[in-house]
Amino acid sequence: MPFCPECTYEYKESVKTCPECKVDLIEKLPEVGTTEDYIELYMVSNRMEADVVISLLTEHGISVLVRDLRSFPVLPDFGRRARLRIAVIPEKVEEARKLLQEGREDGALTSQGRFL
């Protein structure tokens, strides 16, 4: 699956350009571990909320991978159809879960996102 070199979102094979960053996708991100090493932890329905999650986690030194499973990457999917999945490396799952829970409790994250 292709990735955006700027925001690290992962897209379906049919997508060639990141709809937000407007850059060509690449086949592989720089090594931080392989993408298979990442564990999906949280799911959101829109890019804005995904960006908040990314900021929250990266501010705490947690590397993030976002898998965009939407059929049309520019349109949001809501509720149970949320298709942006936030993944972190196994060693950071518990820390990330705690940060995301705190973010939900203090209102930094909406209740639209959900844990996987």
PDB file of N, CA and C in Angstrom:
ATOM      1  N   MET A   1       0.838  -1.181   0.000  1.00  0.00           N
ATOM      2  CA  MET A   1       0.000   0.000   0.000  1.00  0.00           C
ATOM      3  C   MET A   1       0.887   1.250   0.000  1.00  0.00           C
ATOM      4  N   PRO A   2       0.496   2.288  -0.722  1.00  0.00           N
ATOM      5  CA  PRO A   2       1.295   3.509  -0.775  1.00  0.00           C
ATOM      6  C   PRO A   2       1.096   4.398   0.451  1.00  0.00           C
ATOM      7  N   PHE A   3       2.098   5.238   0.715  1.00  0.00           N
ATOM      8  CA  PHE A   3       2.101   6.118   1.872  1.00  0.00           C
ATOM      9  C   PHE A   3       2.404   7.541   1.454  1.00  0.00           C
ATOM     10  N   CYS A   4       1.898   8.502   2.225  1.00  0.00           N
ATOM     11  CA  CYS A   4       2.268   9.894   2.026  1.00  0.00           C
ATOM     12  C   CYS A   4       3.572  10.138   2.788  1.00  0.00           C
ATOM     13  N   PRO A   5       4.594  10.664   2.130  1.00  0.00           N
ATOM     14  CA  PRO A   5       5.867  10.900   2.821  1.00  0.00           C
ATOM     15  C   PRO A   5       5.799  12.038   3.837  1.00  0.00           C
ATOM     16  N   GLU A   6       4.758  12.865   3.775  1.00  0.00           N
ATOM     17  CA  GLU A   6       4.654  13.996   4.697  1.00  0.00           C
ATOM     18  C   GLU A   6       3.805  13.687   5.919  1.00  0.00           C
ATOM     19  N   CYS A   7       2.602  13.156   5.724  1.00  0.00           N
ATOM     20  CA  CYS A   7       1.715  12.914   6.868  1.00  0.00           C
ATOM     21  C   CYS A   7       1.709  11.449   7.299  1.00  0.00           C
ATOM     22  N   THR A   8       2.352  10.582   6.558  1.00  0.00           N
ATOM     23  CA  THR A   8       2.491   9.140   6.806  1.00  0.00           C
ATOM     24  C   THR A   8       1.191   8.359   6.719  1.00  0.00           C
ATOM     25  N   TYR A   9       0.160   8.926   6.119  1.00  0.00           N
ATOM     26  CA  TYR A   9      -1.079   8.177   5.937  1.00  0.00           C
ATOM     27  C   TYR A   9      -0.829   7.055   4.930  1.00  0.00           C
ATOM     28  N   GLU A  10      -1.492   5.935   5.159  1.00  0.00           N
ATOM     29  CA  GLU A  10      -1.411   4.800   4.241  1.00  0.00           C
ATOM     30  C   GLU A  10      -2.709   4.763   3.440  1.00  0.00           C
ATOM     31  N   TYR A  11      -2.609   4.601   2.115  1.00  0.00           N
ATOM     32  CA  TYR A  11      -3.775   4.626   1.243  1.00  0.00           C
ATOM     33  C   TYR A  11      -3.920   3.322   0.475  1.00  0.00           C
ATOM     34  N   LYS A  12      -5.109   3.148  -0.106  1.00  0.00           N
ATOM     35  CA  LYS A  12      -5.335   2.004  -0.985  1.00  0.00           C
ATOM     36  C   LYS A  12      -4.477   2.162  -2.236  1.00  0.00           C
ATOM     37  N   GLU A  13      -4.213   1.039  -2.904  1.00  0.00           N
ATOM     38  CA  GLU A  13      -3.351   1.032  -4.094  1.00  0.00           C
ATOM     39  C   GLU A  13      -3.813   1.996  -5.185  1.00  0.00           C
ATOM     40  N   SER A  14      -5.105   2.238  -5.296  1.00  0.00           N
ATOM     41  CA  SER A  14      -5.620   3.078  -6.374  1.00  0.00           C
ATOM     42  C   SER A  14      -5.312   4.566  -6.179  1.00  0.00           C
ATOM     43  N   VAL A  15      -4.937   4.978  -4.970  1.00  0.00           N
ATOM     44  CA  VAL A  15      -4.642   6.385  -4.687  1.00  0.00           C
ATOM     45  C   VAL A  15      -3.172   6.651  -5.009  1.00  0.00           C
ATOM     46  N   LYS A  16      -2.907   7.709  -5.752  1.00  0.00           N
ATOM     47  CA  LYS A  16      -1.541   8.024  -6.193  1.00  0.00           C
ATOM     48  C   LYS A  16      -0.989   9.300  -5.560  1.00  0.00           C
ATOM     49  N   THR A  17      -1.880  10.198  -5.098  1.00  0.00           N
ATOM     50  CA  THR A  17      -1.481  11.469  -4.511  1.00  0.00           C
ATOM     51  C   THR A  17      -2.235  11.678  -3.209  1.00  0.00           C
ATOM     52  N   CYS A  18      -1.559  12.187  -2.189  1.00  0.00           N
ATOM     53  CA  CYS A  18      -2.219  12.476  -0.916  1.00  0.00           C
ATOM     54  C   CYS A  18      -3.208  13.616  -1.137  1.00  0.00           C
ATOM     55  N   PRO A  19      -4.491  13.411  -0.812  1.00  0.00           N
ATOM     56  CA  PRO A  19      -5.482  14.457  -1.066  1.00  0.00           C
ATOM     57  C   PRO A  19      -5.292  15.698  -0.200  1.00  0.00           C
ATOM     58  N   GLU A  20      -4.616  15.577   0.925  1.00  0.00           N
ATOM     59  CA  GLU A  20      -4.391  16.724   1.808  1.00  0.00           C
ATOM     60  C   GLU A  20      -3.062  17.419   1.523  1.00  0.00           C
ATOM     61  N   CYS A  21      -1.985  16.642   1.436  1.00  0.00           N
ATOM     62  CA  CYS A  21      -0.635  17.209   1.276  1.00  0.00           C
ATOM     63  C   CYS A  21      -0.312  17.545  -0.170  1.00  0.00           C
ATOM     64  N   LYS A  22      -1.064  16.970  -1.093  1.00  0.00           N
ATOM     65  CA  LYS A  22      -0.870  17.213  -2.529  1.00  0.00           C
ATOM     66  C   LYS A  22       0.512  16.773  -3.011  1.00  0.00           C
ATOM     67  N   VAL A  23       1.029  15.678  -2.454  1.00  0.00           N
ATOM     68  CA  VAL A  23       2.307  15.125  -2.896  1.00  0.00           C
ATOM     69  C   VAL A  23       2.093  13.694  -3.365  1.00  0.00           C
ATOM     70  N   ASP A  24       2.987  13.233  -4.233  1.00  0.00           N
ATOM     71  CA  ASP A  24       2.897  11.865  -4.712  1.00  0.00           C
ATOM     72  C   ASP A  24       3.186  10.893  -3.576  1.00  0.00           C
ATOM     73  N   LEU A  25       2.459   9.787  -3.574  1.00  0.00           N
ATOM     74  CA  LEU A  25       2.653   8.761  -2.555  1.00  0.00           C
ATOM     75  C   LEU A  25       3.888   7.928  -2.888  1.00  0.00           C
ATOM     76  N   ILE A  26       4.467   7.326  -1.867  1.00  0.00           N
ATOM     77  CA  ILE A  26       5.628   6.454  -2.039  1.00  0.00           C
ATOM     78  C   ILE A  26       5.267   5.053  -1.574  1.00  0.00           C
ATOM     79  N   GLU A  27       6.015   4.078  -2.013  1.00  0.00           N
ATOM     80  CA  GLU A  27       5.717   2.683  -1.679  1.00  0.00           C
ATOM     81  C   GLU A  27       6.129   2.299  -0.272  1.00  0.00           C
ATOM     82  N   LYS A  28       7.119   3.010   0.286  1.00  0.00           N
ATOM     83  CA  LYS A  28       7.636   2.613   1.589  1.00  0.00           C
ATOM     84  C   LYS A  28       8.068   3.849   2.365  1.00  0.00           C
ATOM     85  N   LEU A  29       7.714   3.896   3.645  1.00  0.00           N
ATOM     86  CA  LEU A  29       8.162   4.974   4.515  1.00  0.00           C
ATOM     87  C   LEU A  29       9.574   4.686   5.004  1.00  0.00           C
ATOM     88  N   PRO A  30      10.300   5.714   5.400  1.00  0.00           N
ATOM     89  CA  PRO A  30      11.627   5.482   5.987  1.00  0.00           C
ATOM     90  C   PRO A  30      11.515   4.549   7.194  1.00  0.00           C
ATOM     91  N   GLU A  31      12.531   3.744   7.403  1.00  0.00           N
ATOM     92  CA  GLU A  31      12.492   2.725   8.458  1.00  0.00           C
ATOM     93  C   GLU A  31      12.401   3.313   9.853  1.00  0.00           C
ATOM     94  N   VAL A  32      11.377   2.921  10.569  1.00  0.00           N
ATOM     95  CA  VAL A  32      11.228   3.166  12.003  1.00  0.00           C
ATOM     96  C   VAL A  32      10.818   1.822  12.571  1.00  0.00           C
ATOM     97  N   GLY A  33      10.753   0.844  11.783  1.00  0.00           N
ATOM     98  CA  GLY A  33      10.137  -0.446  11.999  1.00  0.00           C
ATOM     99  C   GLY A  33       9.312  -0.655  10.748  1.00  0.00           C
ATOM    100  N   THR A  34       8.908  -1.841  10.490  1.00  0.00           N
ATOM    101  CA  THR A  34       8.092  -2.047   9.296  1.00  0.00           C
ATOM    102  C   THR A  34       6.646  -1.728   9.619  1.00  0.00           C
ATOM    103  N   THR A  35       5.864  -1.429   8.597  1.00  0.00           N
ATOM    104  CA  THR A  35       4.460  -1.087   8.826  1.00  0.00           C
ATOM    105  C   THR A  35       3.696  -2.261   9.436  1.00  0.00           C
ATOM    106  N   GLU A  36       4.187  -3.469   9.209  1.00  0.00           N
ATOM    107  CA  GLU A  36       3.534  -4.637   9.798  1.00  0.00           C
ATOM    108  C   GLU A  36       3.713  -4.663  11.316  1.00  0.00           C
ATOM    109  N   ASP A  37       4.730  -3.970  11.810  1.00  0.00           N
ATOM    110  CA  ASP A  37       4.994  -3.928  13.250  1.00  0.00           C
ATOM    111  C   ASP A  37       4.002  -3.052  13.998  1.00  0.00           C
ATOM    112  N   TYR A  38       3.292  -2.193  13.319  1.00  0.00           N
ATOM    113  CA  TYR A  38       2.368  -1.272  13.962  1.00  0.00           C
ATOM    114  C   TYR A  38       1.056  -1.977  14.312  1.00  0.00           C
ATOM    115  N   ILE A  39       0.510  -1.603  15.462  1.00  0.00           N
ATOM    116  CA  ILE A  39      -0.761  -2.173  15.926  1.00  0.00           C
ATOM    117  C   ILE A  39      -1.822  -1.092  15.879  1.00  0.00           C
ATOM    118  N   GLU A  40      -2.944  -1.392  15.218  1.00  0.00           N
ATOM    119  CA  GLU A  40      -4.043  -0.440  15.151  1.00  0.00           C
ATOM    120  C   GLU A  40      -4.668  -0.299  16.529  1.00  0.00           C
ATOM    121  N   LEU A  41      -4.839   0.950  16.956  1.00  0.00           N
ATOM    122  CA  LEU A  41      -5.270   1.240  18.307  1.00  0.00           C
ATOM    123  C   LEU A  41      -6.566   2.041  18.356  1.00  0.00           C
ATOM    124  N   TYR A  42      -6.752   2.936  17.403  1.00  0.00           N
ATOM    125  CA  TYR A  42      -7.841   3.909  17.482  1.00  0.00           C
ATOM    126  C   TYR A  42      -8.366   4.176  16.086  1.00  0.00           C
ATOM    127  N   MET A  43      -9.646   4.483  15.971  1.00  0.00           N
ATOM    128  CA  MET A  43     -10.256   4.726  14.681  1.00  0.00           C
ATOM    129  C   MET A  43     -11.040   6.037  14.722  1.00  0.00           C
ATOM    130  N   VAL A  44     -10.877   6.845  13.692  1.00  0.00           N
ATOM    131  CA  VAL A  44     -11.606   8.109  13.572  1.00  0.00           C
ATOM    132  C   VAL A  44     -12.236   8.193  12.192  1.00  0.00           C
ATOM    133  N   SER A  45     -13.148   9.167  12.036  1.00  0.00           N
ATOM    134  CA  SER A  45     -13.886   9.251  10.779  1.00  0.00           C
ATOM    135  C   SER A  45     -13.406  10.361   9.860  1.00  0.00           C
ATOM    136  N   ASN A  46     -12.588  11.280  10.374  1.00  0.00           N
ATOM    137  CA  ASN A  46     -12.166  12.360   9.490  1.00  0.00           C
ATOM    138  C   ASN A  46     -10.717  12.750   9.745  1.00  0.00           C
ATOM    139  N   ARG A  47     -10.150  13.372   8.759  1.00  0.00           N
ATOM    140  CA  ARG A  47      -8.730  13.723   8.784  1.00  0.00           C
ATOM    141  C   ARG A  47      -8.399  14.724   9.884  1.00  0.00           C
ATOM    142  N   MET A  48      -9.325  15.644  10.166  1.00  0.00           N
ATOM    143  CA  MET A  48      -9.071  16.635  11.196  1.00  0.00           C
ATOM    144  C   MET A  48      -8.856  15.965  12.557  1.00  0.00           C
ATOM    145  N   GLU A  49      -9.715  15.021  12.899  1.00  0.00           N
ATOM    146  CA  GLU A  49      -9.548  14.332  14.176  1.00  0.00           C
ATOM    147  C   GLU A  49      -8.300  13.449  14.154  1.00  0.00           C
ATOM    148  N   ALA A  50      -8.011  12.836  13.020  1.00  0.00           N
ATOM    149  CA  ALA A  50      -6.785  12.035  12.904  1.00  0.00           C
ATOM    150  C   ALA A  50      -5.564  12.915  13.144  1.00  0.00           C
ATOM    151  N   ASP A  51      -5.569  14.125  12.623  1.00  0.00           N
ATOM    152  CA  ASP A  51      -4.443  15.035  12.819  1.00  0.00           C
ATOM    153  C   ASP A  51      -4.282  15.426  14.290  1.00  0.00           C
ATOM    154  N   VAL A  52      -5.396  15.567  15.013  1.00  0.00           N
ATOM    155  CA  VAL A  52      -5.321  15.863  16.449  1.00  0.00           C
ATOM    156  C   VAL A  52      -4.688  14.688  17.182  1.00  0.00           C
ATOM    157  N   VAL A  53      -5.108  13.467  16.823  1.00  0.00           N
ATOM    158  CA  VAL A  53      -4.542  12.268  17.444  1.00  0.00           C
ATOM    159  C   VAL A  53      -3.048  12.180  17.144  1.00  0.00           C
ATOM    160  N   ILE A  54      -2.672  12.412  15.903  1.00  0.00           N
ATOM    161  CA  ILE A  54      -1.265  12.361  15.508  1.00  0.00           C
ATOM    162  C   ILE A  54      -0.454  13.367  16.319  1.00  0.00           C
ATOM    163  N   SER A  55      -0.944  14.593  16.428  1.00  0.00           N
ATOM    164  CA  SER A  55      -0.239  15.626  17.191  1.00  0.00           C
ATOM    165  C   SER A  55      -0.075  15.228  18.645  1.00  0.00           C
ATOM    166  N   LEU A  56      -1.141  14.724  19.241  1.00  0.00           N
ATOM    167  CA  LEU A  56      -1.101  14.315  20.640  1.00  0.00           C
ATOM    168  C   LEU A  56      -0.038  13.240  20.870  1.00  0.00           C
ATOM    169  N   LEU A  57      -0.016  12.248  20.005  1.00  0.00           N
ATOM    170  CA  LEU A  57       0.927  11.140  20.182  1.00  0.00           C
ATOM    171  C   LEU A  57       2.356  11.534  19.837  1.00  0.00           C
ATOM    172  N   THR A  58       2.554  12.245  18.745  1.00  0.00           N
ATOM    173  CA  THR A  58       3.924  12.601  18.357  1.00  0.00           C
ATOM    174  C   THR A  58       4.548  13.594  19.329  1.00  0.00           C
ATOM    175  N   GLU A  59       3.734  14.436  19.969  1.00  0.00           N
ATOM    176  CA  GLU A  59       4.261  15.350  20.988  1.00  0.00           C
ATOM    177  C   GLU A  59       4.866  14.577  22.160  1.00  0.00           C
ATOM    178  N   HIS A  60       4.414  13.333  22.331  1.00  0.00           N
ATOM    179  CA  HIS A  60       4.931  12.491  23.408  1.00  0.00           C
ATOM    180  C   HIS A  60       5.925  11.447  22.888  1.00  0.00           C
ATOM    181  N   GLY A  61       6.440  11.679  21.688  1.00  0.00           N
ATOM    182  CA  GLY A  61       7.489  10.829  21.134  1.00  0.00           C
ATOM    183  C   GLY A  61       7.010   9.480  20.614  1.00  0.00           C
ATOM    184  N   ILE A  62       5.724   9.379  20.308  1.00  0.00           N
ATOM    185  CA  ILE A  62       5.175   8.121  19.809  1.00  0.00           C
ATOM    186  C   ILE A  62       5.019   8.200  18.298  1.00  0.00           C
ATOM    187  N   SER A  63       5.695   7.318  17.589  1.00  0.00           N
ATOM    188  CA  SER A  63       5.598   7.252  16.131  1.00  0.00           C
ATOM    189  C   SER A  63       4.223   6.708  15.748  1.00  0.00           C
ATOM    190  N   VAL A  64       3.602   7.327  14.755  1.00  0.00           N
ATOM    191  CA  VAL A  64       2.226   7.006  14.372  1.00  0.00           C
ATOM    192  C   VAL A  64       2.145   6.652  12.895  1.00  0.00           C
ATOM    193  N   LEU A  65       1.308   5.678  12.589  1.00  0.00           N
ATOM    194  CA  LEU A  65       0.969   5.343  11.216  1.00  0.00           C
ATOM    195  C   LEU A  65      -0.541   5.436  11.102  1.00  0.00           C
ATOM    196  N   VAL A  66      -1.027   6.098  10.053  1.00  0.00           N
ATOM    197  CA  VAL A  66      -2.472   6.204   9.836  1.00  0.00           C
ATOM    198  C   VAL A  66      -2.826   5.421   8.591  1.00  0.00           C
ATOM    199  N   ARG A  67      -3.699   4.460   8.755  1.00  0.00           N
ATOM    200  CA  ARG A  67      -4.176   3.684   7.613  1.00  0.00           C
ATOM    201  C   ARG A  67      -5.516   4.261   7.177  1.00  0.00           C
ATOM    202  N   ASP A  68      -5.562   4.737   5.953  1.00  0.00           N
ATOM    203  CA  ASP A  68      -6.786   5.321   5.401  1.00  0.00           C
ATOM    204  C   ASP A  68      -7.479   4.252   4.574  1.00  0.00           C
ATOM    205  N   LEU A  69      -8.552   3.713   5.102  1.00  0.00           N
ATOM    206  CA  LEU A  69      -9.249   2.608   4.449  1.00  0.00           C
ATOM    207  C   LEU A  69     -10.507   3.058   3.726  1.00  0.00           C
ATOM    208  N   ARG A  70     -10.655   4.367   3.547  1.00  0.00           N
ATOM    209  CA  ARG A  70     -11.852   4.881   2.874  1.00  0.00           C
ATOM    210  C   ARG A  70     -11.799   4.577   1.382  1.00  0.00           C
ATOM    211  N   SER A  71     -12.953   4.356   0.810  1.00  0.00           N
ATOM    212  CA  SER A  71     -13.041   4.124  -0.638  1.00  0.00           C
ATOM    213  C   SER A  71     -12.698   5.390  -1.410  1.00  0.00           C
ATOM    214  N   PHE A  72     -13.155   6.526  -0.894  1.00  0.00           N
ATOM    215  CA  PHE A  72     -12.876   7.824  -1.500  1.00  0.00           C
ATOM    216  C   PHE A  72     -12.180   8.674  -0.448  1.00  0.00           C
ATOM    217  N   PRO A  73     -10.846   8.761  -0.471  1.00  0.00           N
ATOM    218  CA  PRO A  73     -10.090   9.387   0.604  1.00  0.00           C
ATOM    219  C   PRO A  73     -10.398  10.840   0.908  1.00  0.00           C
ATOM    220  N   VAL A  74     -11.172  11.517   0.076  1.00  0.00           N
ATOM    221  CA  VAL A  74     -11.493  12.905   0.385  1.00  0.00           C
ATOM    222  C   VAL A  74     -12.783  13.034   1.178  1.00  0.00           C
ATOM    223  N   LEU A  75     -13.609  12.001   1.205  1.00  0.00           N
ATOM    224  CA  LEU A  75     -14.896  12.061   1.896  1.00  0.00           C
ATOM    225  C   LEU A  75     -14.820  11.353   3.243  1.00  0.00           C
ATOM    226  N   PRO A  76     -15.479  11.914   4.290  1.00  0.00           N
ATOM    227  CA  PRO A  76     -15.452  11.253   5.601  1.00  0.00           C
ATOM    228  C   PRO A  76     -16.439  10.095   5.663  1.00  0.00           C
ATOM    229  N   ASP A  77     -16.112   9.104   6.487  1.00  0.00           N
ATOM    230  CA  ASP A  77     -17.031   8.025   6.830  1.00  0.00           C
ATOM    231  C   ASP A  77     -17.320   8.202   8.311  1.00  0.00           C
ATOM    232  N   PHE A  78     -18.577   8.058   8.722  1.00  0.00           N
ATOM    233  CA  PHE A  78     -18.950   8.351  10.096  1.00  0.00           C
ATOM    234  C   PHE A  78     -19.308   7.102  10.889  1.00  0.00           C
ATOM    235  N   GLY A  79     -19.264   7.257  12.219  1.00  0.00           N
ATOM    236  CA  GLY A  79     -19.703   6.210  13.135  1.00  0.00           C
ATOM    237  C   GLY A  79     -18.948   4.918  12.936  1.00  0.00           C
ATOM    238  N   ARG A  80     -19.674   3.824  12.811  1.00  0.00           N
ATOM    239  CA  ARG A  80     -19.060   2.515  12.668  1.00  0.00           C
ATOM    240  C   ARG A  80     -18.311   2.375  11.340  1.00  0.00           C
ATOM    241  N   ARG A  81     -18.571   3.288  10.416  1.00  0.00           N
ATOM    242  CA  ARG A  81     -17.879   3.231   9.125  1.00  0.00           C
ATOM    243  C   ARG A  81     -16.576   4.027   9.138  1.00  0.00           C
ATOM    244  N   ALA A  82     -16.207   4.564  10.301  1.00  0.00           N
ATOM    245  CA  ALA A  82     -14.955   5.326  10.394  1.00  0.00           C
ATOM    246  C   ALA A  82     -13.823   4.480   9.845  1.00  0.00           C
ATOM    247  N   ARG A  83     -13.026   5.076   8.986  1.00  0.00           N
ATOM    248  CA  ARG A  83     -12.041   4.273   8.270  1.00  0.00           C
ATOM    249  C   ARG A  83     -10.613   4.791   8.348  1.00  0.00           C
ATOM    250  N   LEU A  84     -10.335   5.712   9.239  1.00  0.00           N
ATOM    251  CA  LEU A  84      -8.963   6.154   9.442  1.00  0.00           C
ATOM    252  C   LEU A  84      -8.480   5.488  10.721  1.00  0.00           C
ATOM    253  N   ARG A  85      -7.520   4.590  10.587  1.00  0.00           N
ATOM    254  CA  ARG A  85      -7.058   3.814  11.730  1.00  0.00           C
ATOM    255  C   ARG A  85      -5.673   4.268  12.160  1.00  0.00           C
ATOM    256  N   ILE A  86      -5.560   4.587  13.435  1.00  0.00           N
ATOM    257  CA  ILE A  86      -4.312   5.059  14.015  1.00  0.00           C
ATOM    258  C   ILE A  86      -3.571   3.852  14.577  1.00  0.00           C
ATOM    259  N   ALA A  87      -2.317   3.691  14.166  1.00  0.00           N
ATOM    260  CA  ALA A  87      -1.519   2.546  14.607  1.00  0.00           C
ATOM    261  C   ALA A  87      -0.209   3.044  15.219  1.00  0.00           C
ATOM    262  N   VAL A  88       0.271   2.313  16.227  1.00  0.00           N
ATOM    263  CA  VAL A  88       1.540   2.628  16.889  1.00  0.00           C
ATOM    264  C   VAL A  88       2.337   1.345  17.045  1.00  0.00           C
ATOM    265  N   ILE A  89       3.624   1.488  17.367  1.00  0.00           N
ATOM    266  CA  ILE A  89       4.437   0.294  17.571  1.00  0.00           C
ATOM    267  C   ILE A  89       4.020  -0.388  18.881  1.00  0.00           C
ATOM    268  N   PRO A  90       4.189  -1.707  18.963  1.00  0.00           N
ATOM    269  CA  PRO A  90       3.706  -2.466  20.130  1.00  0.00           C
ATOM    270  C   PRO A  90       4.185  -1.920  21.476  1.00  0.00           C
ATOM    271  N   GLU A  91       5.422  -1.442  21.547  1.00  0.00           N
ATOM    272  CA  GLU A  91       5.972  -0.957  22.814  1.00  0.00           C
ATOM    273  C   GLU A  91       5.269   0.296  23.324  1.00  0.00           C
ATOM    274  N   LYS A  92       4.550   0.976  22.453  1.00  0.00           N
ATOM    275  CA  LYS A  92       3.913   2.243  22.820  1.00  0.00           C
ATOM    276  C   LYS A  92       2.392   2.147  22.918  1.00  0.00           C
ATOM    277  N   VAL A  93       1.824   0.968  22.753  1.00  0.00           N
ATOM    278  CA  VAL A  93       0.368   0.828  22.737  1.00  0.00           C
ATOM    279  C   VAL A  93      -0.262   1.316  24.037  1.00  0.00           C
ATOM    280  N   GLU A  94       0.238   0.869  25.179  1.00  0.00           N
ATOM    281  CA  GLU A  94      -0.372   1.247  26.455  1.00  0.00           C
ATOM    282  C   GLU A  94      -0.227   2.733  26.733  1.00  0.00           C
ATOM    283  N   GLU A  95       0.947   3.288  26.446  1.00  0.00           N
ATOM    284  CA  GLU A  95       1.150   4.725  26.638  1.00  0.00           C
ATOM    285  C   GLU A  95       0.216   5.526  25.727  1.00  0.00           C
ATOM    286  N   ALA A  96       0.102   5.099  24.476  1.00  0.00           N
ATOM    287  CA  ALA A  96      -0.775   5.781  23.524  1.00  0.00           C
ATOM    288  C   ALA A  96      -2.231   5.672  23.956  1.00  0.00           C
ATOM    289  N   ARG A  97      -2.635   4.496  24.405  1.00  0.00           N
ATOM    290  CA  ARG A  97      -4.015   4.297  24.864  1.00  0.00           C
ATOM    291  C   ARG A  97      -4.331   5.259  26.018  1.00  0.00           C
ATOM    292  N   LYS A  98      -3.396   5.374  26.947  1.00  0.00           N
ATOM    293  CA  LYS A  98      -3.587   6.263  28.093  1.00  0.00           C
ATOM    294  C   LYS A  98      -3.708   7.718  27.639  1.00  0.00           C
ATOM    295  N   LEU A  99      -2.816   8.155  26.736  1.00  0.00           N
ATOM    296  CA  LEU A  99      -2.864   9.522  26.228  1.00  0.00           C
ATOM    297  C   LEU A  99      -4.171   9.808  25.500  1.00  0.00           C
ATOM    298  N   LEU A 100      -4.626   8.860  24.700  1.00  0.00           N
ATOM    299  CA  LEU A 100      -5.882   9.046  23.968  1.00  0.00           C
ATOM    300  C   LEU A 100      -7.071   9.086  24.923  1.00  0.00           C
ATOM    301  N   GLN A 101      -7.059   8.260  25.940  1.00  0.00           N
ATOM    302  CA  GLN A 101      -8.144   8.270  26.927  1.00  0.00           C
ATOM    303  C   GLN A 101      -8.171   9.612  27.656  1.00  0.00           C
ATOM    304  N   GLU A 102      -7.003  10.105  28.043  1.00  0.00           N
ATOM    305  CA  GLU A 102      -6.921  11.417  28.693  1.00  0.00           C
ATOM    306  C   GLU A 102      -7.407  12.512  27.748  1.00  0.00           C
ATOM    307  N   GLY A 103      -7.053  12.413  26.481  1.00  0.00           N
ATOM    308  CA  GLY A 103      -7.504  13.380  25.484  1.00  0.00           C
ATOM    309  C   GLY A 103      -9.010  13.392  25.339  1.00  0.00           C
ATOM    310  N   ARG A 104      -9.614  12.229  25.415  1.00  0.00           N
ATOM    311  CA  ARG A 104     -11.081  12.148  25.352  1.00  0.00           C
ATOM    312  C   ARG A 104     -11.710  12.756  26.600  1.00  0.00           C
ATOM    313  N   GLU A 105     -11.116  12.469  27.759  1.00  0.00           N
ATOM    314  CA  GLU A 105     -11.662  12.962  29.025  1.00  0.00           C
ATOM    315  C   GLU A 105     -11.559  14.474  29.154  1.00  0.00           C
ATOM    316  N   ASP A 106     -10.468  15.065  28.651  1.00  0.00           N
ATOM    317  CA  ASP A 106     -10.325  16.524  28.788  1.00  0.00           C
ATOM    318  C   ASP A 106     -10.888  17.299  27.593  1.00  0.00           C
ATOM    319  N   GLY A 107     -11.483  16.594  26.632  1.00  0.00           N
ATOM    320  CA  GLY A 107     -12.148  17.252  25.521  1.00  0.00           C
ATOM    321  C   GLY A 107     -11.274  17.572  24.325  1.00  0.00           C
ATOM    322  N   ALA A 108     -10.005  17.201  24.371  1.00  0.00           N
ATOM    323  CA  ALA A 108      -9.125  17.441  23.222  1.00  0.00           C
ATOM    324  C   ALA A 108      -9.543  16.583  22.031  1.00  0.00           C
ATOM    325  N   LEU A 109     -10.104  15.413  22.321  1.00  0.00           N
ATOM    326  CA  LEU A 109     -10.627  14.514  21.284  1.00  0.00           C
ATOM    327  C   LEU A 109     -12.132  14.382  21.449  1.00  0.00           C
ATOM    328  N   THR A 110     -12.831  14.271  20.346  1.00  0.00           N
ATOM    329  CA  THR A 110     -14.280  14.095  20.418  1.00  0.00           C
ATOM    330  C   THR A 110     -14.608  12.649  20.747  1.00  0.00           C
ATOM    331  N   SER A 111     -15.850  12.401  21.029  1.00  0.00           N
ATOM    332  CA  SER A 111     -16.286  11.028  21.314  1.00  0.00           C
ATOM    333  C   SER A 111     -16.551  10.261  20.015  1.00  0.00           C
ATOM    334  N   GLN A 112     -16.292  10.871  18.864  1.00  0.00           N
ATOM    335  CA  GLN A 112     -16.509  10.209  17.576  1.00  0.00           C
ATOM    336  C   GLN A 112     -15.493   9.090  17.356  1.00  0.00           C
ATOM    337  N   GLY A 113     -14.277   9.275  17.832  1.00  0.00           N
ATOM    338  CA  GLY A 113     -13.250   8.248  17.682  1.00  0.00           C
ATOM    339  C   GLY A 113     -13.546   7.091  18.621  1.00  0.00           C
ATOM    340  N   ARG A 114     -12.972   5.931  18.294  1.00  0.00           N
ATOM    341  CA  ARG A 114     -13.177   4.793  19.194  1.00  0.00           C
ATOM    342  C   ARG A 114     -11.943   3.903  19.205  1.00  0.00           C
ATOM    343  N   PHE A 115     -11.785   3.240  20.350  1.00  0.00           N
ATOM    344  CA  PHE A 115     -10.668   2.310  20.499  1.00  0.00           C
ATOM    345  C   PHE A 115     -10.978   1.015  19.769  1.00  0.00           C
ATOM    346  N   LEU A 116      -9.956   0.398  19.225  1.00  0.00           N
ATOM    347  CA  LEU A 116     -10.112  -0.883  18.541  1.00  0.00           C
ATOM    348  C   LEU A 116      -9.762  -1.996  19.489  1.00  0.00           C
TER     349      LEU A 116
END
